[in-house]
């Protein structure tokens, strides 16, 4: 990504870690604000879903960045569709009592 850079590559990952931390903290307040009944297994399923979503986006755009446009678009299309459908199911599960 940042070829031969001793500053930009670690700085990028520090920023990414900061953004993931802000997202996790915000998710707690978001759930409280919507008055969702979250327990440990709902949080676990949500975390696993978010990790798979991150891998789907990273994998697809990595393929596109490696000049494998068709493979990247297929990857995003197939796994992105799976993530959208499973995300809708996750929302229904979280909202159930």
Protein backbone atom coordinates (compact mmCIF):
# COMPACT_ATOMS: atom_id res chain seq x y z
CA UNK A 1 0.00 0.00 0.00
CA UNK A 2 2.60 2.54 1.09
CA UNK A 3 5.75 1.16 -0.49
CA UNK A 4 8.93 1.68 1.54
CA UNK A 5 7.27 4.05 3.99
CA UNK A 6 8.33 3.87 7.60
CA UNK A 7 5.64 6.34 8.70
CA UNK A 8 2.56 6.05 6.49
CA UNK A 9 1.88 2.34 6.81
CA UNK A 10 1.94 2.19 10.64
CA UNK A 11 0.03 5.48 10.75
CA UNK A 12 -2.66 4.02 8.48
CA UNK A 13 -3.14 1.01 10.78
CA UNK A 14 -3.23 3.22 13.85
CA UNK A 15 -6.02 5.26 12.25
CA UNK A 16 -7.87 2.07 11.27
CA UNK A 17 -7.64 0.74 14.83
CA UNK A 18 -8.90 4.06 16.15
CA UNK A 19 -11.88 3.97 13.77
CA UNK A 20 -12.76 0.39 14.76
CA UNK A 21 -12.59 1.37 18.44
CA UNK A 22 -14.85 4.38 17.88
CA UNK A 23 -17.28 2.12 16.02
CA UNK A 24 -17.37 -0.43 18.85
CA UNK A 25 -17.94 2.22 21.52
CA UNK A 26 -20.60 3.89 19.40
CA UNK A 27 -22.42 0.57 18.89
CA UNK A 28 -22.97 0.31 22.65
CA UNK A 29 -24.54 3.78 22.80
CA UNK A 30 -26.53 3.10 19.63
CA UNK A 31 -28.03 -0.06 21.16
CA UNK A 32 -28.90 1.78 24.38
CA UNK A 33 -30.45 4.67 22.45
CA UNK A 34 -32.67 2.30 20.45
CA UNK A 35 -33.52 0.41 23.66
CA UNK A 36 -32.36 -2.90 22.21
CA UNK A 37 -32.10 -5.86 24.58
CA UNK A 38 -28.54 -6.92 23.88
CA UNK A 39 -26.93 -9.85 25.68
CA UNK A 40 -23.55 -11.48 25.21
CA UNK A 41 -24.51 -13.76 22.31
CA UNK A 42 -26.17 -10.95 20.34
CA UNK A 43 -23.03 -8.86 20.75
CA UNK A 44 -20.91 -11.86 19.68
CA UNK A 45 -22.96 -12.49 16.55
CA UNK A 46 -22.86 -8.77 15.71
CA UNK A 47 -19.07 -8.69 16.12
CA UNK A 48 -18.59 -11.76 13.92
CA UNK A 49 -20.88 -10.22 11.27
CA UNK A 50 -18.88 -6.97 11.34
CA UNK A 51 -15.59 -8.86 11.01
CA UNK A 52 -16.93 -10.79 8.00
CA UNK A 53 -18.18 -7.52 6.48
CA UNK A 54 -14.72 -5.98 6.93
CA UNK A 55 -13.03 -9.01 5.34
CA UNK A 56 -15.49 -8.90 2.43
CA UNK A 57 -14.76 -5.24 1.71
CA UNK A 58 -11.00 -5.62 2.21
CA UNK A 59 -10.81 -8.77 0.08
CA UNK A 60 -12.82 -7.34 -2.77
CA UNK A 61 -10.90 -4.10 -2.95
CA UNK A 62 -7.57 -5.90 -2.57
CA UNK A 63 -8.42 -7.95 -5.64
CA UNK A 64 -9.39 -4.79 -7.51
CA UNK A 65 -6.13 -3.14 -6.42
CA UNK A 66 -4.18 -6.14 -7.74
CA UNK A 67 -5.71 -5.55 -11.20
CA UNK A 68 -8.15 -8.44 -10.80
CA UNK A 69 -11.22 -6.30 -11.45
CA UNK A 70 -13.54 -9.11 -12.45
CA UNK A 71 -12.60 -11.30 -9.46
CA UNK A 72 -12.93 -8.34 -7.10
CA UNK A 73 -16.36 -7.42 -8.37
CA UNK A 74 -17.52 -11.05 -8.17
CA UNK A 75 -16.13 -11.27 -4.65
CA UNK A 76 -17.91 -8.08 -3.58
CA UNK A 77 -21.10 -9.11 -5.35
CA UNK A 78 -21.36 -12.63 -3.97
CA UNK A 79 -20.12 -12.07 -0.44
CA UNK A 80 -21.62 -8.59 -0.27
CA UNK A 81 -25.03 -10.05 -1.06
CA UNK A 82 -24.53 -12.72 1.60
CA UNK A 83 -23.56 -10.04 4.11
CA UNK A 84 -26.58 -7.88 3.29
CA UNK A 85 -28.98 -10.80 3.65
CA UNK A 86 -27.34 -11.98 6.87
CA UNK A 87 -27.34 -8.38 8.15
CA UNK A 88 -31.10 -8.14 7.64
CA UNK A 89 -31.49 -11.43 9.51
CA UNK A 90 -29.23 -10.12 12.27
CA UNK A 91 -31.34 -6.99 12.64
CA UNK A 92 -34.48 -9.10 12.93
CA UNK A 93 -32.78 -11.30 15.54
CA UNK A 94 -31.61 -8.31 17.58
CA UNK A 95 -35.03 -6.65 17.52
CA UNK A 96 -36.79 -9.83 18.63
CA UNK A 97 -37.49 -10.13 22.32
